[in-house]
C-alpha cells in the first residue's frame, strides 16, 4: 500500500502549534483593501483557530 501524501495546498495555509492545535490566517486581507475600513483591516490581523468541525478533516489532509 502506498504512503499517504500531504495535501500541499492545505499545508501552505495551516500551521500546527506546539500543542497540536491548528491555526489559520483570517480571510479578507488579500485584495479589495481600498474599500475596507482600517478597523476591519486591523480586526483581520493575526491567526485564528480552525473550526472544531473541520479539525478531523484537515488533520487527515495534513497526514496527521
N, C-alpha and C. Protein backbone atom coordinates (compact mmCIF):
# COMPACT_ATOMS: atom_id res chain seq x y z
N UNK A 1 0.84 -1.18 0.00
CA UNK A 1 0.00 0.00 0.00
C UNK A 1 0.89 1.26 0.00
N UNK A 2 0.63 2.22 -0.91
CA UNK A 2 1.47 3.43 -0.95
C UNK A 2 1.24 4.33 0.26
N UNK A 3 2.23 5.14 0.52
CA UNK A 3 2.12 6.09 1.62
C UNK A 3 1.08 7.16 1.31
N UNK A 4 0.47 7.71 2.37
CA UNK A 4 -0.42 8.85 2.17
C UNK A 4 0.42 10.09 1.90
N UNK A 5 -0.10 10.97 1.06
CA UNK A 5 0.61 12.21 0.74
C UNK A 5 -0.06 13.39 1.43
N UNK A 6 0.77 14.31 1.88
CA UNK A 6 0.27 15.55 2.47
C UNK A 6 -0.37 16.38 1.38
N UNK A 7 -1.51 16.97 1.66
CA UNK A 7 -2.16 17.89 0.72
C UNK A 7 -1.44 19.23 0.82
N UNK A 8 -0.61 19.56 -0.19
CA UNK A 8 0.28 20.71 -0.10
C UNK A 8 -0.47 22.04 -0.05
N UNK A 9 -1.64 22.11 -0.68
CA UNK A 9 -2.43 23.34 -0.61
C UNK A 9 -2.86 23.64 0.82
N UNK A 10 -3.24 22.59 1.54
CA UNK A 10 -3.63 22.75 2.94
C UNK A 10 -2.41 23.05 3.80
N UNK A 11 -1.30 22.38 3.53
CA UNK A 11 -0.09 22.55 4.33
C UNK A 11 0.42 23.99 4.27
N UNK A 12 0.22 24.67 3.13
CA UNK A 12 0.68 26.04 3.00
C UNK A 12 -0.21 27.02 3.75
N UNK A 13 -1.43 26.62 4.04
CA UNK A 13 -2.39 27.54 4.64
C UNK A 13 -2.55 27.37 6.14
N UNK A 14 -2.18 26.22 6.67
CA UNK A 14 -2.46 25.91 8.08
C UNK A 14 -1.18 25.55 8.82
N UNK A 15 -1.03 26.11 10.01
CA UNK A 15 0.13 25.84 10.85
C UNK A 15 -0.32 25.05 12.07
N UNK A 16 0.54 24.13 12.51
CA UNK A 16 0.25 23.33 13.70
C UNK A 16 1.07 23.90 14.84
N UNK A 17 0.41 24.18 15.97
CA UNK A 17 1.11 24.72 17.13
C UNK A 17 1.86 23.61 17.85
N UNK A 18 2.65 23.98 18.83
CA UNK A 18 3.40 23.01 19.60
C UNK A 18 2.51 22.03 20.33
N UNK A 19 1.31 22.47 20.69
CA UNK A 19 0.39 21.58 21.41
C UNK A 19 -0.52 20.81 20.46
N UNK A 20 -0.35 21.02 19.15
CA UNK A 20 -1.11 20.24 18.17
C UNK A 20 -2.37 20.91 17.66
N UNK A 21 -2.62 22.16 18.08
CA UNK A 21 -3.80 22.86 17.58
C UNK A 21 -3.51 23.40 16.19
N UNK A 22 -4.58 23.67 15.44
CA UNK A 22 -4.45 24.16 14.07
C UNK A 22 -4.79 25.64 14.02
N UNK A 23 -3.93 26.43 13.37
CA UNK A 23 -4.15 27.87 13.22
C UNK A 23 -4.19 28.21 11.74
N UNK A 24 -5.02 29.21 11.39
CA UNK A 24 -5.11 29.65 10.01
C UNK A 24 -5.20 31.17 9.96
N UNK A 25 -4.81 31.74 8.82
CA UNK A 25 -4.97 33.18 8.60
C UNK A 25 -6.44 33.47 8.39
N UNK A 26 -6.86 34.68 8.75
CA UNK A 26 -8.24 35.08 8.52
C UNK A 26 -8.43 35.50 7.07
N UNK A 27 -9.64 35.35 6.57
CA UNK A 27 -9.92 35.72 5.19
C UNK A 27 -10.22 37.21 5.10
N UNK A 28 -10.09 37.75 3.89
CA UNK A 28 -10.48 39.13 3.66
C UNK A 28 -9.36 40.14 3.71
N UNK A 29 -8.09 39.69 3.70
CA UNK A 29 -6.96 40.61 3.78
C UNK A 29 -6.14 40.67 2.50
N UNK A 30 -6.56 39.98 1.45
CA UNK A 30 -5.70 39.85 0.28
C UNK A 30 -5.88 40.94 -0.77
N UNK A 31 -7.11 41.31 -1.05
CA UNK A 31 -7.33 42.29 -2.12
C UNK A 31 -8.61 43.08 -1.84
N UNK A 32 -8.88 44.05 -2.68
CA UNK A 32 -10.03 44.96 -2.49
C UNK A 32 -9.92 45.68 -1.15
N UNK A 33 -8.70 46.06 -0.77
CA UNK A 33 -8.47 46.66 0.54
C UNK A 33 -8.89 48.11 0.59
N UNK A 34 -8.96 48.79 -0.55
CA UNK A 34 -9.27 50.22 -0.55
C UNK A 34 -10.63 50.50 0.07
N UNK A 35 -11.58 49.62 -0.19
CA UNK A 35 -12.94 49.88 0.30
C UNK A 35 -13.17 49.37 1.71
N UNK A 36 -12.18 48.68 2.28
CA UNK A 36 -12.33 48.19 3.65
C UNK A 36 -11.78 49.23 4.62
N UNK A 37 -12.48 49.40 5.73
CA UNK A 37 -12.06 50.39 6.72
C UNK A 37 -10.82 49.89 7.46
N UNK A 38 -10.10 50.83 8.05
CA UNK A 38 -8.92 50.47 8.83
C UNK A 38 -9.31 49.59 10.01
N UNK A 39 -10.49 49.79 10.53
CA UNK A 39 -10.95 48.99 11.66
C UNK A 39 -11.10 47.53 11.25
N UNK A 40 -11.67 47.30 10.08
CA UNK A 40 -11.83 45.94 9.57
C UNK A 40 -10.46 45.31 9.32
N UNK A 41 -9.57 46.08 8.69
CA UNK A 41 -8.23 45.58 8.38
C UNK A 41 -7.51 45.14 9.65
N UNK A 42 -7.59 45.95 10.69
CA UNK A 42 -6.93 45.59 11.95
C UNK A 42 -7.57 44.37 12.59
N UNK A 43 -8.88 44.28 12.50
CA UNK A 43 -9.58 43.14 13.10
C UNK A 43 -9.17 41.82 12.45
N UNK A 44 -8.79 41.88 11.18
CA UNK A 44 -8.45 40.67 10.45
C UNK A 44 -6.98 40.28 10.60
N UNK A 45 -6.21 41.00 11.40
CA UNK A 45 -4.81 40.66 11.61
C UNK A 45 -4.68 39.36 12.39
N UNK A 46 -3.56 38.71 12.21
CA UNK A 46 -3.25 37.54 13.02
C UNK A 46 -3.94 36.27 12.56
N UNK A 47 -3.82 35.25 13.39
CA UNK A 47 -4.36 33.94 13.04
C UNK A 47 -5.55 33.59 13.92
N UNK A 48 -6.26 32.59 13.49
CA UNK A 48 -7.46 32.14 14.19
C UNK A 48 -7.42 30.62 14.26
N UNK A 49 -8.04 30.06 15.27
CA UNK A 49 -8.11 28.60 15.38
C UNK A 49 -9.04 28.04 14.31
N UNK A 50 -8.69 26.88 13.78
CA UNK A 50 -9.55 26.21 12.81
C UNK A 50 -10.82 25.74 13.52
N UNK A 51 -11.95 25.83 12.83
CA UNK A 51 -13.23 25.44 13.41
C UNK A 51 -13.18 23.98 13.87
N UNK A 52 -13.80 23.72 15.00
CA UNK A 52 -13.78 22.38 15.59
C UNK A 52 -14.31 21.32 14.63
N UNK A 53 -15.33 21.69 13.83
CA UNK A 53 -15.93 20.74 12.90
C UNK A 53 -14.97 20.35 11.78
N UNK A 54 -13.97 21.18 11.51
CA UNK A 54 -13.05 20.93 10.39
C UNK A 54 -11.75 20.26 10.80
N UNK A 55 -11.47 20.18 12.10
CA UNK A 55 -10.16 19.72 12.57
C UNK A 55 -9.85 18.30 12.09
N UNK A 56 -10.79 17.39 12.19
CA UNK A 56 -10.54 16.00 11.80
C UNK A 56 -10.18 15.90 10.32
N UNK A 57 -10.93 16.60 9.48
CA UNK A 57 -10.70 16.56 8.04
C UNK A 57 -9.34 17.18 7.68
N UNK A 58 -9.01 18.28 8.30
CA UNK A 58 -7.75 18.95 7.99
C UNK A 58 -6.57 18.14 8.47
N UNK A 59 -6.69 17.53 9.64
CA UNK A 59 -5.60 16.66 10.12
C UNK A 59 -5.34 15.53 9.14
N UNK A 60 -6.41 14.99 8.54
CA UNK A 60 -6.23 13.93 7.56
C UNK A 60 -5.52 14.45 6.31
N UNK A 61 -5.87 15.68 5.87
CA UNK A 61 -5.22 16.27 4.71
C UNK A 61 -3.74 16.53 4.99
N UNK A 62 -3.43 16.82 6.25
CA UNK A 62 -2.03 17.09 6.62
C UNK A 62 -1.25 15.82 6.92
N UNK A 63 -1.92 14.68 6.84
CA UNK A 63 -1.24 13.41 7.09
C UNK A 63 -0.97 13.18 8.56
N UNK A 64 -1.84 13.67 9.43
CA UNK A 64 -1.65 13.52 10.88
C UNK A 64 -2.71 12.59 11.45
